[in-house]
Amino acid sequence: MSKQIMIIAGEPSADMHAAALIKELKKLRPNLRISGIGGPAMRQAGAETFTDLTPYAVIGFWEVLKHFPKFKKAFHQALDKIKQEKPTAVILIDYPGFNLRLAKKIKQQSPQTKVIYYISPQIWAWGEKRIELIRSVVDKMIVIFPFEYTLYKKHGINVSFVGHPLAEHVYPRQDRQACLQETDLNDTDIIISLLPGSRESEVKRILPLMLKSAKLMLEQEPLAKFLILKATNVGNDIFTRLTANYTHLPIRIINNNTCDFLAISSFAWVCSGTATLETAILEIPMLIVYKTSFPTWFISKQLIKLPYIGLVNVVAGEKIVPEFIQYRATAQNITNCTRTFLKNSEDKKLLIEKLRQVKTTLGQTKANLETARVICEFIN
């Protein structure tokens, strides 16, 4: 008799991770039936999705409240489906505000269903108060950072470290000269890539700041050229609207193969998140930019326990990449930092070496295949 699992992926990045995982699960267990909450990537990989939360991917307390009815409906749909279909296991991917609550309800309603959590909640940033909840509602934790493995093991939680899925996928597919030719750039240009986030709300707040910084940068560095590396899940119209007043600047919007163009960059301005790890894997010098609503920033400031927020700095265990957060995120600060760095070859050499160490820490294994193996072994 074939087994069934349910996957809950509420954000675009989780949708992509889920899709890659599904492909590996299908190779190991061709008859495995997979359903759940997910987006286009999950559906293309062969999952039967009953709702899609990826268009509502937001960060912040106020932002979540605005879409609360949609989240509530999806929450109860998932519980109803689990009760009806009785899957062998439910795999929760990241998205802790939704998924930890769901795990708690699953254990109350369907205790026979195994709960597997892939890509851990960031308890290392928010403090360890959630550890006891995780121990009581998660049967298997699968983590992508080695320090997470150490933390969960210390608390007696069944945990496996599989490496980071980006490590095997982030590499340029075409060479530097082909990318330069496609964008009408030269080897002598100072190429700065702008990565304003993978959520619509992030792009609306962060891209205008990056564009102001680009204008100021160009005034001081005439050889500067700019590439906006667009997340595929964010609509083109937002970028068209936000760049309308900057058509005089040497800016290109890159829709596809963004990894190739990031790899040719002299420097990158990166929204805090997974993109900082992608940039680190490619060993591209960067700074981190982040802005959110005042209530979200204020509450987060009280809760976050770390002295930095960028994932690349968390993995490094020190602030190797400058962070410009909220009120420090100004065009003047971003421009000054970039110019100072570009003119100091020793700083550049040291940062690239630190980024190389981060890349090594993320692991060299095929994370999706390893995750699929861990899951199949566990549900057996």
Protein backbone atom coordinates (compact mmCIF):
# COMPACT_ATOMS: atom_id res chain seq x y z
CA MET A 1 0.00 0.00 0.00
CA SER A 2 1.45 3.38 -1.02
CA LYS A 3 1.99 6.01 1.63
CA GLN A 4 0.74 9.59 1.58
CA ILE A 5 2.47 12.65 2.95
CA MET A 6 1.30 16.24 3.18
CA ILE A 7 3.66 19.21 2.73
CA ILE A 8 2.93 22.71 4.06
CA ALA A 9 4.89 25.40 2.20
CA GLY A 10 3.44 28.87 2.75
CA GLU A 11 6.06 31.10 1.10
CA PRO A 12 7.74 31.24 -2.34
CA SER A 13 11.10 30.05 -0.98
CA ALA A 14 9.41 27.17 0.86
CA ASP A 15 7.52 26.32 -2.34
CA MET A 16 10.84 26.02 -4.19
CA HIS A 17 12.40 23.90 -1.42
CA ALA A 18 9.30 21.69 -1.39
CA ALA A 19 9.42 21.19 -5.15
CA ALA A 20 13.08 20.13 -5.08
CA LEU A 21 12.34 17.77 -2.18
CA ILE A 22 9.31 16.25 -3.96
CA LYS A 23 11.44 15.37 -7.00
CA GLU A 24 13.87 13.46 -4.80
CA LEU A 25 11.08 11.76 -2.83
CA LYS A 26 9.47 10.61 -6.08
CA LYS A 27 12.76 9.05 -7.18
CA LEU A 28 13.03 7.10 -3.94
CA ARG A 29 9.32 6.30 -3.61
CA PRO A 30 7.57 6.55 -7.02
CA ASN A 31 4.19 5.55 -5.55
CA LEU A 32 4.28 8.15 -2.76
CA ARG A 33 1.24 10.42 -2.90
CA ILE A 34 2.02 14.03 -2.00
CA SER A 35 -0.51 16.78 -1.30
CA GLY A 36 -0.59 19.99 0.69
CA ILE A 37 -0.40 23.77 0.78
CA GLY A 38 1.94 25.14 -1.86
CA GLY A 39 2.45 27.18 -4.98
CA PRO A 40 3.24 26.62 -8.67
CA ALA A 41 6.60 24.93 -8.04
CA MET A 42 5.02 22.25 -5.84
CA ARG A 43 2.27 21.62 -8.38
CA GLN A 44 4.77 21.32 -11.21
CA ALA A 45 6.74 18.81 -9.15
CA GLY A 46 3.65 16.60 -8.89
CA ALA A 47 1.95 17.59 -5.62
CA GLU A 48 -1.82 17.99 -5.29
CA THR A 49 -2.27 21.38 -3.60
CA PHE A 50 -5.58 22.39 -2.04
CA THR A 51 -4.64 26.03 -1.41
CA ASP A 52 -1.80 28.45 -2.15
CA LEU A 53 -0.49 30.98 0.38
CA THR A 54 2.57 32.10 -1.61
CA PRO A 55 0.87 35.28 -2.96
CA TYR A 56 0.35 36.36 0.67
CA ALA A 57 3.97 35.99 1.74
CA VAL A 58 4.58 38.87 4.11
CA ILE A 59 6.84 39.71 7.03
CA GLY A 60 5.62 41.67 10.03
CA PHE A 61 2.87 41.56 12.59
CA TRP A 62 0.65 44.20 11.01
CA GLU A 63 1.17 42.76 7.53
CA VAL A 64 0.05 39.30 8.71
CA LEU A 65 -3.09 40.74 10.35
CA LYS A 66 -4.21 42.21 7.02
CA HIS A 67 -4.34 38.70 5.49
CA PHE A 68 -5.46 36.87 8.63
CA PRO A 69 -8.79 35.55 7.20
CA LYS A 70 -6.89 33.83 4.35
CA PHE A 71 -4.39 32.25 6.76
CA LYS A 72 -7.17 31.10 9.09
CA LYS A 73 -9.09 29.47 6.25
CA ALA A 74 -5.97 27.64 5.01
CA PHE A 75 -5.16 26.52 8.57
CA HIS A 76 -8.55 24.85 9.01
CA GLN A 77 -8.47 23.40 5.48
CA ALA A 78 -5.18 21.69 6.34
CA LEU A 79 -6.56 20.26 9.59
CA ASP A 80 -9.69 18.98 7.82
CA LYS A 81 -7.60 17.33 5.07
CA ILE A 82 -5.33 15.66 7.63
CA LYS A 83 -8.35 14.34 9.52
CA GLN A 84 -9.98 13.00 6.34
CA GLU A 85 -6.94 11.61 4.52
CA LYS A 86 -4.84 10.46 7.50
CA PRO A 87 -1.41 10.98 5.87
CA THR A 88 1.54 9.03 7.23
CA ALA A 89 3.39 12.27 7.86
CA VAL A 90 3.05 16.03 7.51
CA ILE A 91 6.19 17.88 6.44
CA LEU A 92 6.27 21.50 7.58
CA ILE A 93 8.71 23.76 5.71
CA ASP A 94 9.94 26.91 7.50
CA TYR A 95 6.98 29.39 8.00
CA PRO A 96 6.98 28.99 11.82
CA GLY A 97 4.14 31.37 12.75
CA PHE A 98 1.71 29.15 10.82
CA ASN A 99 3.45 25.79 10.99
CA LEU A 100 4.15 25.53 14.73
CA ARG A 101 0.51 26.31 15.49
CA LEU A 102 -0.52 23.71 12.93
CA ALA A 103 1.83 21.11 14.45
CA LYS A 104 0.26 21.65 17.86
CA LYS A 105 -3.25 21.11 16.46
CA ILE A 106 -2.16 18.04 14.47
CA LYS A 107 -0.89 16.40 17.65
CA GLN A 108 -4.19 17.14 19.40
CA GLN A 109 -6.43 16.03 16.53
CA SER A 110 -4.42 13.30 14.74
CA PRO A 111 -1.69 12.03 17.12
CA GLN A 112 -0.91 9.08 14.84
CA THR A 113 0.33 11.44 12.11
CA LYS A 114 4.09 12.02 12.21
CA VAL A 115 5.14 15.67 12.13
CA ILE A 116 8.42 16.37 10.32
CA TYR A 117 9.84 19.90 10.30
CA TYR A 118 12.24 20.81 7.47
CA ILE A 119 14.15 24.13 7.73
CA SER A 120 13.91 24.99 11.39
CA PRO A 121 12.23 28.01 12.97
CA GLN A 122 14.95 30.54 13.79
CA ILE A 123 14.97 29.85 17.51
CA TRP A 124 18.62 30.94 17.62
CA ALA A 125 17.46 34.47 16.73
CA TRP A 126 14.31 34.67 18.85
CA GLY A 127 15.58 32.82 21.89
CA GLU A 128 14.99 29.21 22.91
CA LYS A 129 11.50 29.56 24.38
CA ARG A 130 10.02 27.56 21.49
CA ILE A 131 12.23 24.53 22.18
CA GLU A 132 9.74 22.92 24.59
CA LEU A 133 6.87 23.41 22.11
CA ILE A 134 8.96 21.91 19.31
CA ARG A 135 9.91 18.93 21.47
CA SER A 136 6.23 18.23 22.22
CA VAL A 137 4.80 18.60 18.69
CA VAL A 138 7.62 17.75 16.21
CA ASP A 139 8.63 14.10 15.76
CA LYS A 140 11.58 14.77 13.46
CA MET A 141 13.52 18.02 12.92
CA ILE A 142 15.63 18.34 9.75
CA VAL A 143 18.03 21.29 9.80
CA ILE A 144 20.20 23.05 7.23
CA PHE A 145 22.74 24.74 9.53
CA PRO A 146 25.22 22.79 11.70
CA PHE A 147 24.72 25.05 14.75
CA GLU A 148 20.98 24.19 14.66
CA TYR A 149 21.87 20.48 14.92
CA THR A 150 23.98 21.17 18.01
CA LEU A 151 21.19 23.21 19.61
CA TYR A 152 18.43 20.62 19.07
CA LYS A 153 20.67 17.71 20.04
CA LYS A 154 21.43 19.47 23.32
CA HIS A 155 17.70 19.58 24.07
CA GLY A 156 17.13 15.90 23.25
CA ILE A 157 15.17 16.46 20.01
CA ASN A 158 15.34 13.92 17.16
CA VAL A 159 17.31 15.95 14.61
CA SER A 160 19.27 15.43 11.38
CA PHE A 161 21.60 17.89 9.60
CA VAL A 162 21.39 17.63 5.81
CA GLY A 163 23.34 20.67 4.60
CA HIS A 164 21.89 23.73 2.88
CA PRO A 165 19.93 23.11 -0.36
CA LEU A 166 21.44 26.24 -1.92
CA ALA A 167 24.94 24.75 -1.78
CA GLU A 168 24.28 22.43 -4.73
CA HIS A 169 22.16 24.78 -6.85
CA VAL A 170 23.83 28.19 -6.66
CA TYR A 171 26.42 28.42 -9.43
CA PRO A 172 26.57 30.33 -12.74
CA ARG A 173 25.25 28.49 -15.80
CA GLN A 174 26.94 30.72 -18.39
CA ASP A 175 30.34 32.41 -18.40
CA ARG A 176 31.17 35.99 -17.50
CA GLN A 177 31.71 37.24 -21.05
CA ALA A 178 28.30 35.96 -22.18
CA CYS A 179 26.61 37.82 -19.31
CA LEU A 180 28.55 41.01 -20.02
CA GLN A 181 27.60 40.87 -23.68
CA GLU A 182 23.93 40.24 -22.89
CA THR A 183 23.77 43.33 -20.65
CA ASP A 184 26.09 45.59 -22.71
CA LEU A 185 28.58 45.77 -19.86
CA ASN A 186 32.38 45.83 -19.88
CA ASP A 187 35.09 44.38 -17.65
CA THR A 188 35.99 47.92 -16.60
CA ASP A 189 32.48 48.67 -15.26
CA ILE A 190 31.71 48.65 -11.55
CA ILE A 191 28.77 46.25 -11.61
CA ILE A 192 26.48 46.52 -8.59
CA SER A 193 23.63 44.03 -8.22
CA LEU A 194 20.46 45.03 -6.38
CA LEU A 195 18.56 42.21 -4.65
CA PRO A 196 15.51 43.93 -3.07
CA GLY A 197 13.79 40.82 -1.71
CA SER A 198 11.48 37.98 -2.67
CA ARG A 199 8.30 39.45 -1.20
CA GLU A 200 6.24 42.23 -2.76
CA SER A 201 6.18 44.14 0.54
CA GLU A 202 9.99 43.99 0.77
CA VAL A 203 10.49 45.21 -2.79
CA LYS A 204 8.14 48.17 -2.23
CA ARG A 205 10.11 49.29 0.83
CA ILE A 206 13.67 48.43 -0.18
CA LEU A 207 13.96 48.97 -3.95
CA PRO A 208 13.23 52.76 -3.76
CA LEU A 209 16.09 53.10 -1.25
CA MET A 210 18.40 51.06 -3.48
CA LEU A 211 17.50 53.24 -6.48
CA LYS A 212 18.30 56.43 -4.53
CA SER A 213 21.60 54.83 -3.56
CA ALA A 214 22.30 53.97 -7.21
CA LYS A 215 21.71 57.60 -8.23
CA LEU A 216 24.08 58.85 -5.56
CA MET A 217 26.66 56.16 -6.36
CA LEU A 218 26.69 57.08 -10.05
CA GLU A 219 27.33 60.74 -9.23
CA GLN A 220 30.53 59.71 -7.46
CA GLU A 221 31.50 56.67 -9.54
CA PRO A 222 30.78 57.26 -13.26
CA LEU A 223 31.74 53.67 -14.16
CA ALA A 224 29.00 52.21 -11.93
CA LYS A 225 26.33 50.09 -13.63
CA PHE A 226 23.38 48.44 -11.90
CA LEU A 227 21.51 45.15 -12.27
CA ILE A 228 18.19 44.60 -10.47
CA LEU A 229 17.92 40.86 -9.84
CA LYS A 230 14.20 40.21 -9.69
CA ALA A 231 12.57 37.38 -7.75
CA THR A 232 10.36 35.41 -10.16
CA ASN A 233 7.35 35.47 -7.83
CA VAL A 234 7.16 39.29 -7.67
CA GLY A 235 5.20 40.93 -10.51
CA ASN A 236 6.97 42.91 -13.27
CA ASP A 237 4.60 45.85 -12.83
CA ILE A 238 6.05 46.70 -9.40
CA PHE A 239 9.57 46.99 -10.82
CA THR A 240 8.35 48.98 -13.83
CA ARG A 241 6.52 51.42 -11.58
CA LEU A 242 9.34 51.86 -9.05
CA THR A 243 12.04 52.38 -11.69
CA ALA A 244 9.96 54.81 -13.82
CA ASN A 245 11.78 57.88 -12.43
CA TYR A 246 15.22 56.33 -12.85
CA THR A 247 15.26 55.55 -16.58
CA HIS A 248 18.26 57.87 -17.00
CA LEU A 249 20.40 55.57 -14.85
CA PRO A 250 22.33 52.60 -16.30
CA ILE A 251 20.02 49.98 -14.76
CA ARG A 252 18.89 46.64 -16.18
CA ILE A 253 16.18 44.43 -14.69
CA ILE A 254 17.18 40.76 -14.84
CA ASN A 255 14.25 38.32 -14.81
CA ASN A 256 15.95 34.98 -15.44
CA ASN A 257 19.24 33.29 -14.62
CA THR A 258 19.84 35.87 -11.90
CA CYS A 259 22.59 33.71 -10.39
CA ASP A 260 24.68 34.18 -13.56
CA PHE A 261 24.50 37.96 -13.29
CA LEU A 262 25.11 38.04 -9.56
CA ALA A 263 28.31 36.09 -10.25
CA ILE A 264 29.71 38.88 -12.48
CA SER A 265 29.05 41.62 -9.91
CA SER A 266 31.71 43.76 -8.29
CA PHE A 267 29.45 44.27 -5.29
CA ALA A 268 25.86 43.55 -4.19
CA TRP A 269 23.21 45.33 -2.14
CA VAL A 270 21.15 42.50 -0.67
CA CYS A 271 17.86 42.38 1.22
CA SER A 272 18.32 40.41 4.44
CA GLY A 273 17.35 36.78 3.94
CA THR A 274 18.38 33.71 1.96
CA ALA A 275 19.79 35.90 -0.82
CA THR A 276 22.70 36.78 1.47
CA LEU A 277 23.69 33.09 1.46
CA GLU A 278 23.38 32.86 -2.34
CA THR A 279 25.68 35.87 -2.63
CA ALA A 280 28.11 34.31 -0.15
CA ILE A 281 28.23 31.01 -2.07
CA LEU A 282 29.22 32.97 -5.19
CA GLU A 283 31.82 34.83 -3.08
CA ILE A 284 30.50 38.26 -4.09
CA PRO A 285 31.21 41.13 -1.63
CA MET A 286 27.99 42.67 -0.31
CA LEU A 287 26.19 44.76 2.24
CA ILE A 288 22.79 43.96 3.76
CA VAL A 289 19.80 46.31 3.61
CA TYR A 290 16.49 45.95 5.40
CA LYS A 291 13.49 48.14 6.19
CA THR A 292 10.06 47.21 7.48
CA SER A 293 7.09 48.95 9.09
CA PHE A 294 7.81 50.76 12.37
CA PRO A 295 5.62 48.45 14.55
CA THR A 296 7.30 45.33 13.11
CA TRP A 297 10.78 46.81 13.53
CA PHE A 298 10.08 47.95 17.09
CA ILE A 299 8.67 44.60 18.24
CA SER A 300 11.43 42.63 16.47
CA LYS A 301 14.08 44.78 18.12
CA GLN A 302 12.76 43.70 21.53
CA LEU A 303 12.62 40.01 20.60
CA ILE A 304 15.70 39.27 18.48
CA LYS A 305 18.57 38.05 20.64
CA LEU A 306 21.41 38.31 18.09
CA PRO A 307 23.56 41.40 17.42
CA TYR A 308 22.98 40.99 13.65
CA ILE A 309 20.14 39.78 11.42
CA GLY A 310 21.79 38.77 8.13
CA LEU A 311 21.87 35.00 7.62
CA VAL A 312 25.39 35.19 6.23
CA ASN A 313 26.52 36.80 9.51
CA VAL A 314 24.59 34.28 11.60
CA VAL A 315 26.31 31.38 9.81
CA ALA A 316 29.70 33.10 10.09
CA GLY A 317 29.12 33.71 13.81
CA GLU A 318 30.29 37.31 13.45
CA LYS A 319 29.37 40.41 11.49
CA ILE A 320 31.49 39.90 8.37
CA VAL A 321 29.03 41.82 6.14
CA PRO A 322 27.87 45.37 7.01
CA GLU A 323 24.17 45.68 7.87
CA PHE A 324 22.07 48.79 7.24
CA ILE A 325 18.78 48.24 9.02
CA GLN A 326 15.78 50.57 9.33
CA TYR A 327 17.04 54.11 10.15
CA ARG A 328 20.64 53.28 9.26
CA ALA A 329 19.42 52.25 5.79
CA THR A 330 20.12 55.49 3.91
CA ALA A 331 21.45 56.17 0.42
CA GLN A 332 24.43 58.04 1.89
CA ASN A 333 25.41 55.17 4.21
CA ILE A 334 25.03 52.55 1.47
CA THR A 335 27.05 54.58 -1.04
CA ASN A 336 29.82 55.45 1.42
CA CYS A 337 30.20 51.82 2.52
CA THR A 338 30.29 50.53 -1.07
CA ARG A 339 32.88 53.07 -2.25
CA THR A 340 35.11 52.52 0.80
CA PHE A 341 35.05 48.78 0.26
CA LEU A 342 35.70 48.91 -3.51
CA LYS A 343 38.77 51.08 -2.95
CA ASN A 344 40.30 48.78 -0.31
CA SER A 345 41.65 45.57 -1.83
CA GLU A 346 42.67 44.12 1.56
CA ASP A 347 39.12 44.45 2.92
CA LYS A 348 37.81 42.78 -0.23
CA LYS A 349 40.29 39.91 0.03
CA LEU A 350 39.45 39.31 3.70
CA LEU A 351 35.67 39.35 3.12
CA ILE A 352 35.91 36.91 0.21
CA GLU A 353 37.87 34.53 2.43
CA LYS A 354 35.18 34.80 5.13
CA LEU A 355 32.45 34.16 2.54
CA ARG A 356 34.35 31.08 1.39
CA GLN A 357 34.29 29.78 4.97
CA VAL A 358 30.51 30.36 5.13
CA LYS A 359 30.14 28.40 1.89
CA THR A 360 32.06 25.47 3.42
CA THR A 361 29.92 25.60 6.59
CA LEU A 362 26.74 25.20 4.52
CA GLY A 363 27.87 21.71 3.50
CA GLN A 364 28.75 20.01 0.25
CA THR A 365 26.13 17.24 0.32
CA LYS A 366 23.09 17.05 -1.94
CA ALA A 367 20.73 18.40 0.68
CA ASN A 368 17.44 17.61 -1.06
CA LEU A 369 18.42 13.99 -1.71
CA GLU A 370 19.67 13.61 1.86
CA THR A 371 16.43 15.14 3.21
CA ALA A 372 14.36 12.72 1.11
CA ARG A 373 16.37 9.79 2.45
CA VAL A 374 15.91 10.94 6.06
CA ILE A 375 12.14 11.32 5.51
CA CYS A 376 11.72 7.92 3.83
CA GLU A 377 13.70 6.19 6.55
CA PHE A 378 11.68 7.97 9.24
CA ILE A 379 8.21 7.19 7.82
CA ASN A 380 9.18 3.53 7.39
